[in-house]
Amino acid sequence: MWVEGQRSFEALQRRAVSGGRTAVRLAQEMPAHFVLQIDGQEQLHVPYGGRRAQLKQLFSDHGLNEHGALAGQTSDTC
């Protein structure tokens, strides 16, 4: 999630644990979108690497930049 031009893990956590009216307000103020289908094809069964590659291509095809909120990834194990 982006807050004041920067990614904010705190905002994401706050959004994840909220309920009721707070959840509704935060959803309006800081929308988050999950891509479950691309070109009508469900992505839930596709391994992570394949989903990520398709999502990157989708962002590229539509001219979205990093502020389109394609979250970074890491290979850290801890």
PDB file of N, CA and C in Angstrom:
ATOM      1  N   MET A   1       0.838  -1.160   0.000  1.00  0.00           N
ATOM      2  CA  MET A   1       0.000   0.000   0.000  1.00  0.00           C
ATOM      3  C   MET A   1       0.893   1.235   0.000  1.00  0.00           C
ATOM      4  N   TRP A   2       0.425   2.262  -0.663  1.00  0.00           N
ATOM      5  CA  TRP A   2       1.189   3.498  -0.768  1.00  0.00           C
ATOM      6  C   TRP A   2       0.596   4.559   0.151  1.00  0.00           C
ATOM      7  N   VAL A   3       1.466   5.191   0.932  1.00  0.00           N
ATOM      8  CA  VAL A   3       1.075   6.307   1.791  1.00  0.00           C
ATOM      9  C   VAL A   3       2.098   7.406   1.583  1.00  0.00           C
ATOM     10  N   GLU A   4       1.641   8.562   1.180  1.00  0.00           N
ATOM     11  CA  GLU A   4       2.513   9.722   0.948  1.00  0.00           C
ATOM     12  C   GLU A   4       3.684   9.380   0.031  1.00  0.00           C
ATOM     13  N   GLY A   5       3.398   8.642  -1.050  1.00  0.00           N
ATOM     14  CA  GLY A   5       4.416   8.333  -2.050  1.00  0.00           C
ATOM     15  C   GLY A   5       5.378   7.226  -1.684  1.00  0.00           C
ATOM     16  N   GLN A   6       5.118   6.503  -0.591  1.00  0.00           N
ATOM     17  CA  GLN A   6       6.005   5.422  -0.183  1.00  0.00           C
ATOM     18  C   GLN A   6       5.179   4.198   0.184  1.00  0.00           C
ATOM     19  N   ARG A   7       5.778   3.027   0.021  1.00  0.00           N
ATOM     20  CA  ARG A   7       5.117   1.813   0.470  1.00  0.00           C
ATOM     21  C   ARG A   7       5.030   1.832   1.985  1.00  0.00           C
ATOM     22  N   SER A   8       3.902   1.370   2.508  1.00  0.00           N
ATOM     23  CA  SER A   8       3.708   1.367   3.951  1.00  0.00           C
ATOM     24  C   SER A   8       3.198   0.006   4.411  1.00  0.00           C
ATOM     25  N   PHE A   9       4.079  -0.774   5.017  1.00  0.00           N
ATOM     26  CA  PHE A   9       3.684  -2.061   5.572  1.00  0.00           C
ATOM     27  C   PHE A   9       2.744  -1.846   6.749  1.00  0.00           C
ATOM     28  N   GLU A  10       2.970  -0.768   7.494  1.00  0.00           N
ATOM     29  CA  GLU A  10       2.096  -0.442   8.625  1.00  0.00           C
ATOM     30  C   GLU A  10       0.654  -0.233   8.154  1.00  0.00           C
ATOM     31  N   ALA A  11       0.484   0.475   7.058  1.00  0.00           N
ATOM     32  CA  ALA A  11      -0.867   0.709   6.525  1.00  0.00           C
ATOM     33  C   ALA A  11      -1.499  -0.610   6.086  1.00  0.00           C
ATOM     34  N   LEU A  12      -0.708  -1.484   5.489  1.00  0.00           N
ATOM     35  CA  LEU A  12      -1.214  -2.786   5.072  1.00  0.00           C
ATOM     36  C   LEU A  12      -1.650  -3.601   6.284  1.00  0.00           C
ATOM     37  N   GLN A  13      -0.848  -3.599   7.336  1.00  0.00           N
ATOM     38  CA  GLN A  13      -1.209  -4.326   8.557  1.00  0.00           C
ATOM     39  C   GLN A  13      -2.482  -3.752   9.168  1.00  0.00           C
ATOM     40  N   ARG A  14      -2.571  -2.450   9.236  1.00  0.00           N
ATOM     41  CA  ARG A  14      -3.746  -1.794   9.807  1.00  0.00           C
ATOM     42  C   ARG A  14      -4.995  -2.187   9.023  1.00  0.00           C
ATOM     43  N   ARG A  15      -4.867  -2.212   7.721  1.00  0.00           N
ATOM     44  CA  ARG A  15      -5.989  -2.583   6.862  1.00  0.00           C
ATOM     45  C   ARG A  15      -6.378  -4.045   7.071  1.00  0.00           C
ATOM     46  N   ALA A  16      -5.391  -4.915   7.259  1.00  0.00           N
ATOM     47  CA  ALA A  16      -5.648  -6.349   7.394  1.00  0.00           C
ATOM     48  C   ALA A  16      -6.391  -6.712   8.675  1.00  0.00           C
ATOM     49  N   VAL A  17      -6.174  -5.966   9.746  1.00  0.00           N
ATOM     50  CA  VAL A  17      -6.769  -6.336  11.035  1.00  0.00           C
ATOM     51  C   VAL A  17      -8.011  -5.526  11.373  1.00  0.00           C
ATOM     52  N   SER A  18      -8.386  -4.608  10.516  1.00  0.00           N
ATOM     53  CA  SER A  18      -9.540  -3.748  10.797  1.00  0.00           C
ATOM     54  C   SER A  18     -10.840  -4.465  10.476  1.00  0.00           C
ATOM     55  N   GLY A  19     -11.887  -4.014  11.128  1.00  0.00           N
ATOM     56  CA  GLY A  19     -13.212  -4.559  10.865  1.00  0.00           C
ATOM     57  C   GLY A  19     -14.247  -3.448  10.909  1.00  0.00           C
ATOM     58  N   GLY A  20     -15.471  -3.802  10.555  1.00  0.00           N
ATOM     59  CA  GLY A  20     -16.586  -2.867  10.646  1.00  0.00           C
ATOM     60  C   GLY A  20     -16.395  -1.597   9.851  1.00  0.00           C
ATOM     61  N   ARG A  21     -16.784  -0.487  10.479  1.00  0.00           N
ATOM     62  CA  ARG A  21     -16.715   0.823   9.800  1.00  0.00           C
ATOM     63  C   ARG A  21     -15.281   1.227   9.487  1.00  0.00           C
ATOM     64  N   THR A  22     -14.347   0.833  10.353  1.00  0.00           N
ATOM     65  CA  THR A  22     -12.943   1.174  10.091  1.00  0.00           C
ATOM     66  C   THR A  22     -12.457   0.491   8.816  1.00  0.00           C
ATOM     67  N   ALA A  23     -12.820  -0.765   8.626  1.00  0.00           N
ATOM     68  CA  ALA A  23     -12.422  -1.489   7.413  1.00  0.00           C
ATOM     69  C   ALA A  23     -13.003  -0.825   6.169  1.00  0.00           C
ATOM     70  N   VAL A  24     -14.252  -0.413   6.248  1.00  0.00           N
ATOM     71  CA  VAL A  24     -14.898   0.259   5.110  1.00  0.00           C
ATOM     72  C   VAL A  24     -14.187   1.573   4.804  1.00  0.00           C
ATOM     73  N   ARG A  25     -13.895   2.359   5.838  1.00  0.00           N
ATOM     74  CA  ARG A  25     -13.224   3.648   5.640  1.00  0.00           C
ATOM     75  C   ARG A  25     -11.835   3.450   5.044  1.00  0.00           C
ATOM     76  N   LEU A  26     -11.066   2.496   5.586  1.00  0.00           N
ATOM     77  CA  LEU A  26      -9.710   2.268   5.081  1.00  0.00           C
ATOM     78  C   LEU A  26      -9.740   1.744   3.645  1.00  0.00           C
ATOM     79  N   ALA A  27     -10.725   0.934   3.310  1.00  0.00           N
ATOM     80  CA  ALA A  27     -10.845   0.435   1.934  1.00  0.00           C
ATOM     81  C   ALA A  27     -11.106   1.582   0.965  1.00  0.00           C
ATOM     82  N   GLN A  28     -11.873   2.567   1.404  1.00  0.00           N
ATOM     83  CA  GLN A  28     -12.140   3.731   0.555  1.00  0.00           C
ATOM     84  C   GLN A  28     -10.908   4.624   0.446  1.00  0.00           C
ATOM     85  N   GLU A  29     -10.190   4.788   1.550  1.00  0.00           N
ATOM     86  CA  GLU A  29      -9.017   5.672   1.557  1.00  0.00           C
ATOM     87  C   GLU A  29      -7.803   5.028   0.908  1.00  0.00           C
ATOM     88  N   MET A  30      -7.635   3.730   1.083  1.00  0.00           N
ATOM     89  CA  MET A  30      -6.449   3.026   0.598  1.00  0.00           C
ATOM     90  C   MET A  30      -6.855   1.716  -0.061  1.00  0.00           C
ATOM     91  N   PRO A  31      -7.394   1.778  -1.280  1.00  0.00           N
ATOM     92  CA  PRO A  31      -7.862   0.545  -1.925  1.00  0.00           C
ATOM     93  C   PRO A  31      -6.714  -0.401  -2.239  1.00  0.00           C
ATOM     94  N   ALA A  32      -7.009  -1.678  -2.153  1.00  0.00           N
ATOM     95  CA  ALA A  32      -6.060  -2.722  -2.537  1.00  0.00           C
ATOM     96  C   ALA A  32      -6.780  -3.629  -3.524  1.00  0.00           C
ATOM     97  N   HIS A  33      -6.075  -4.115  -4.516  1.00  0.00           N
ATOM     98  CA  HIS A  33      -6.692  -4.944  -5.548  1.00  0.00           C
ATOM     99  C   HIS A  33      -5.915  -6.237  -5.670  1.00  0.00           C
ATOM    100  N   PHE A  34      -6.649  -7.308  -5.856  1.00  0.00           N
ATOM    101  CA  PHE A  34      -6.046  -8.617  -6.013  1.00  0.00           C
ATOM    102  C   PHE A  34      -6.452  -9.152  -7.376  1.00  0.00           C
ATOM    103  N   VAL A  35      -5.468  -9.599  -8.143  1.00  0.00           N
ATOM    104  CA  VAL A  35      -5.742 -10.105  -9.481  1.00  0.00           C
ATOM    105  C   VAL A  35      -5.952 -11.612  -9.377  1.00  0.00           C
ATOM    106  N   LEU A  36      -7.196 -12.039  -9.618  1.00  0.00           N
ATOM    107  CA  LEU A  36      -7.527 -13.452  -9.555  1.00  0.00           C
ATOM    108  C   LEU A  36      -7.688 -14.073 -10.931  1.00  0.00           C
ATOM    109  N   GLN A  37      -7.896 -13.220 -11.936  1.00  0.00           N
ATOM    110  CA  GLN A  37      -8.012 -13.686 -13.309  1.00  0.00           C
ATOM    111  C   GLN A  37      -7.264 -12.728 -14.231  1.00  0.00           C
ATOM    112  N   ILE A  38      -6.661 -13.288 -15.254  1.00  0.00           N
ATOM    113  CA  ILE A  38      -6.031 -12.484 -16.305  1.00  0.00           C
ATOM    114  C   ILE A  38      -6.566 -13.027 -17.619  1.00  0.00           C
ATOM    115  N   ASP A  39      -7.141 -12.149 -18.421  1.00  0.00           N
ATOM    116  CA  ASP A  39      -7.762 -12.538 -19.696  1.00  0.00           C
ATOM    117  C   ASP A  39      -8.739 -13.693 -19.515  1.00  0.00           C
ATOM    118  N   GLY A  40      -9.507 -13.658 -18.418  1.00  0.00           N
ATOM    119  CA  GLY A  40     -10.519 -14.675 -18.166  1.00  0.00           C
ATOM    120  C   GLY A  40      -9.986 -15.987 -17.622  1.00  0.00           C
ATOM    121  N   GLN A  41      -8.683 -16.077 -17.426  1.00  0.00           N
ATOM    122  CA  GLN A  41      -8.078 -17.303 -16.916  1.00  0.00           C
ATOM    123  C   GLN A  41      -7.783 -17.166 -15.429  1.00  0.00           C
ATOM    124  N   GLU A  42      -8.363 -18.052 -14.615  1.00  0.00           N
ATOM    125  CA  GLU A  42      -8.142 -18.011 -13.179  1.00  0.00           C
ATOM    126  C   GLU A  42      -6.670 -18.275 -12.864  1.00  0.00           C
ATOM    127  N   GLN A  43      -6.132 -17.529 -11.916  1.00  0.00           N
ATOM    128  CA  GLN A  43      -4.705 -17.612 -11.590  1.00  0.00           C
ATOM    129  C   GLN A  43      -4.413 -18.339 -10.278  1.00  0.00           C
ATOM    130  N   LEU A  44      -5.449 -18.763  -9.581  1.00  0.00           N
ATOM    131  CA  LEU A  44      -5.242 -19.365  -8.259  1.00  0.00           C
ATOM    132  C   LEU A  44      -4.437 -20.654  -8.305  1.00  0.00           C
ATOM    133  N   HIS A  45      -4.509 -21.387  -9.391  1.00  0.00           N
ATOM    134  CA  HIS A  45      -3.789 -22.657  -9.502  1.00  0.00           C
ATOM    135  C   HIS A  45      -2.364 -22.487 -10.044  1.00  0.00           C
ATOM    136  N   VAL A  46      -2.042 -21.323 -10.552  1.00  0.00           N
ATOM    137  CA  VAL A  46      -0.735 -21.060 -11.165  1.00  0.00           C
ATOM    138  C   VAL A  46       0.302 -20.844 -10.052  1.00  0.00           C
ATOM    139  N   PRO A  47       1.459 -21.500 -10.125  1.00  0.00           N
ATOM    140  CA  PRO A  47       2.504 -21.288  -9.122  1.00  0.00           C
ATOM    141  C   PRO A  47       2.897 -19.811  -9.021  1.00  0.00           C
ATOM    142  N   TYR A  48       3.405 -19.413  -7.865  1.00  0.00           N
ATOM    143  CA  TYR A  48       3.714 -18.009  -7.589  1.00  0.00           C
ATOM    144  C   TYR A  48       4.557 -17.365  -8.687  1.00  0.00           C
ATOM    145  N   GLY A  49       5.613 -18.027  -9.100  1.00  0.00           N
ATOM    146  CA  GLY A  49       6.496 -17.441 -10.116  1.00  0.00           C
ATOM    147  C   GLY A  49       5.756 -17.120 -11.408  1.00  0.00           C
ATOM    148  N   GLY A  50       4.868 -18.009 -11.813  1.00  0.00           N
ATOM    149  CA  GLY A  50       4.081 -17.781 -13.017  1.00  0.00           C
ATOM    150  C   GLY A  50       3.085 -16.642 -12.853  1.00  0.00           C
ATOM    151  N   ARG A  51       2.426 -16.578 -11.685  1.00  0.00           N
ATOM    152  CA  ARG A  51       1.485 -15.482 -11.421  1.00  0.00           C
ATOM    153  C   ARG A  51       2.212 -14.150 -11.424  1.00  0.00           C
ATOM    154  N   ARG A  52       3.379 -14.117 -10.786  1.00  0.00           N
ATOM    155  CA  ARG A  52       4.148 -12.872 -10.695  1.00  0.00           C
ATOM    156  C   ARG A  52       4.578 -12.419 -12.097  1.00  0.00           C
ATOM    157  N   ALA A  53       5.047 -13.354 -12.911  1.00  0.00           N
ATOM    158  CA  ALA A  53       5.478 -13.010 -14.275  1.00  0.00           C
ATOM    159  C   ALA A  53       4.300 -12.470 -15.087  1.00  0.00           C
ATOM    160  N   GLN A  54       3.127 -13.088 -14.957  1.00  0.00           N
ATOM    161  CA  GLN A  54       1.954 -12.616 -15.684  1.00  0.00           C
ATOM    162  C   GLN A  54       1.524 -11.244 -15.194  1.00  0.00           C
ATOM    163  N   LEU A  55       1.611 -11.025 -13.894  1.00  0.00           N
ATOM    164  CA  LEU A  55       1.227  -9.731 -13.338  1.00  0.00           C
ATOM    165  C   LEU A  55       2.185  -8.630 -13.804  1.00  0.00           C
ATOM    166  N   LYS A  56       3.486  -8.938 -13.828  1.00  0.00           N
ATOM    167  CA  LYS A  56       4.457  -7.963 -14.334  1.00  0.00           C
ATOM    168  C   LYS A  56       4.162  -7.617 -15.787  1.00  0.00           C
ATOM    169  N   GLN A  57       3.815  -8.637 -16.578  1.00  0.00           N
ATOM    170  CA  GLN A  57       3.495  -8.402 -17.982  1.00  0.00           C
ATOM    171  C   GLN A  57       2.231  -7.562 -18.102  1.00  0.00           C
ATOM    172  N   LEU A  58       1.233  -7.843 -17.277  1.00  0.00           N
ATOM    173  CA  LEU A  58       0.001  -7.063 -17.273  1.00  0.00           C
ATOM    174  C   LEU A  58       0.289  -5.600 -16.971  1.00  0.00           C
ATOM    175  N   PHE A  59       1.132  -5.353 -15.962  1.00  0.00           N
ATOM    176  CA  PHE A  59       1.510  -3.974 -15.622  1.00  0.00           C
ATOM    177  C   PHE A  59       2.224  -3.317 -16.791  1.00  0.00           C
ATOM    178  N   SER A  60       3.147  -4.042 -17.410  1.00  0.00           N
ATOM    179  CA  SER A  60       3.896  -3.496 -18.543  1.00  0.00           C
ATOM    180  C   SER A  60       2.967  -3.192 -19.717  1.00  0.00           C
ATOM    181  N   ASP A  61       2.067  -4.104 -20.013  1.00  0.00           N
ATOM    182  CA  ASP A  61       1.143  -3.920 -21.137  1.00  0.00           C
ATOM    183  C   ASP A  61       0.260  -2.688 -20.969  1.00  0.00           C
ATOM    184  N   HIS A  62      -0.014  -2.316 -19.724  1.00  0.00           N
ATOM    185  CA  HIS A  62      -0.914  -1.196 -19.462  1.00  0.00           C
ATOM    186  C   HIS A  62      -0.181   0.063 -19.007  1.00  0.00           C
ATOM    187  N   GLY A  63       1.153   0.043 -19.129  1.00  0.00           N
ATOM    188  CA  GLY A  63       1.942   1.234 -18.822  1.00  0.00           C
ATOM    189  C   GLY A  63       1.928   1.618 -17.350  1.00  0.00           C
ATOM    190  N   LEU A  64       1.730   0.644 -16.477  1.00  0.00           N
ATOM    191  CA  LEU A  64       1.745   0.948 -15.041  1.00  0.00           C
ATOM    192  C   LEU A  64       3.178   0.946 -14.548  1.00  0.00           C
ATOM    193  N   ASN A  65       3.488   1.912 -13.711  1.00  0.00           N
ATOM    194  CA  ASN A  65       4.839   1.974 -13.164  1.00  0.00           C
ATOM    195  C   ASN A  65       4.850   1.339 -11.783  1.00  0.00           C
ATOM    196  N   GLU A  66       5.949   1.455 -11.073  1.00  0.00           N
ATOM    197  CA  GLU A  66       6.060   0.849  -9.750  1.00  0.00           C
ATOM    198  C   GLU A  66       5.012   1.396  -8.788  1.00  0.00           C
ATOM    199  N   HIS A  67       4.520   2.619  -9.028  1.00  0.00           N
ATOM    200  CA  HIS A  67       3.499   3.167  -8.142  1.00  0.00           C
ATOM    201  C   HIS A  67       2.139   2.549  -8.406  1.00  0.00           C
ATOM    202  N   GLY A  68       2.077   1.667  -9.414  1.00  0.00           N
ATOM    203  CA  GLY A  68       0.883   0.874  -9.601  1.00  0.00           C
ATOM    204  C   GLY A  68       0.763  -0.159  -8.496  1.00  0.00           C
ATOM    205  N   ALA A  69       1.750  -0.187  -7.618  1.00  0.00           N
ATOM    206  CA  ALA A  69       1.744  -0.983  -6.391  1.00  0.00           C
ATOM    207  C   ALA A  69       1.979  -2.459  -6.611  1.00  0.00           C
ATOM    208  N   LEU A  70       2.747  -2.828  -7.610  1.00  0.00           N
ATOM    209  CA  LEU A  70       3.198  -4.205  -7.701  1.00  0.00           C
ATOM    210  C   LEU A  70       4.273  -4.354  -6.632  1.00  0.00           C
ATOM    211  N   ALA A  71       3.902  -4.983  -5.561  1.00  0.00           N
ATOM    212  CA  ALA A  71       4.787  -5.066  -4.392  1.00  0.00           C
ATOM    213  C   ALA A  71       6.064  -5.807  -4.738  1.00  0.00           C
ATOM    214  N   GLY A  72       7.142  -5.366  -4.127  1.00  0.00           N
ATOM    215  CA  GLY A  72       8.417  -6.036  -4.302  1.00  0.00           C
ATOM    216  C   GLY A  72       8.398  -7.410  -3.674  1.00  0.00           C
ATOM    217  N   GLN A  73       9.367  -8.199  -4.001  1.00  0.00           N
ATOM    218  CA  GLN A  73       9.472  -9.517  -3.409  1.00  0.00           C
ATOM    219  C   GLN A  73      10.895  -9.719  -2.935  1.00  0.00           C
ATOM    220  N   THR A  74      11.063 -10.688  -2.076  1.00  0.00           N
ATOM    221  CA  THR A  74      12.382 -11.002  -1.555  1.00  0.00           C
ATOM    222  C   THR A  74      12.543 -12.497  -1.447  1.00  0.00           C
ATOM    223  N   SER A  75      13.765 -12.942  -1.421  1.00  0.00           N
ATOM    224  CA  SER A  75      14.018 -14.364  -1.215  1.00  0.00           C
ATOM    225  C   SER A  75      14.536 -14.615   0.194  1.00  0.00           C
ATOM    226  N   ASP A  76      14.447 -13.585   1.059  1.00  0.00           N
ATOM    227  CA  ASP A  76      14.865 -13.745   2.459  1.00  0.00           C
ATOM    228  C   ASP A  76      14.110 -14.898   3.089  1.00  0.00           C
ATOM    229  N   THR A  77      14.786 -15.657   3.909  1.00  0.00           N
ATOM    230  CA  THR A  77      14.143 -16.798   4.562  1.00  0.00           C
ATOM    231  C   THR A  77      13.731 -16.510   5.983  1.00  0.00           C
ATOM    232  N   CYS A  78      14.047 -15.329   6.487  1.00  0.00           N
ATOM    233  CA  CYS A  78      13.642 -15.044   7.864  1.00  0.00           C
ATOM    234  C   CYS A  78      12.794 -13.803   7.958  1.00  0.00           C
TER     235      CYS A  78
END
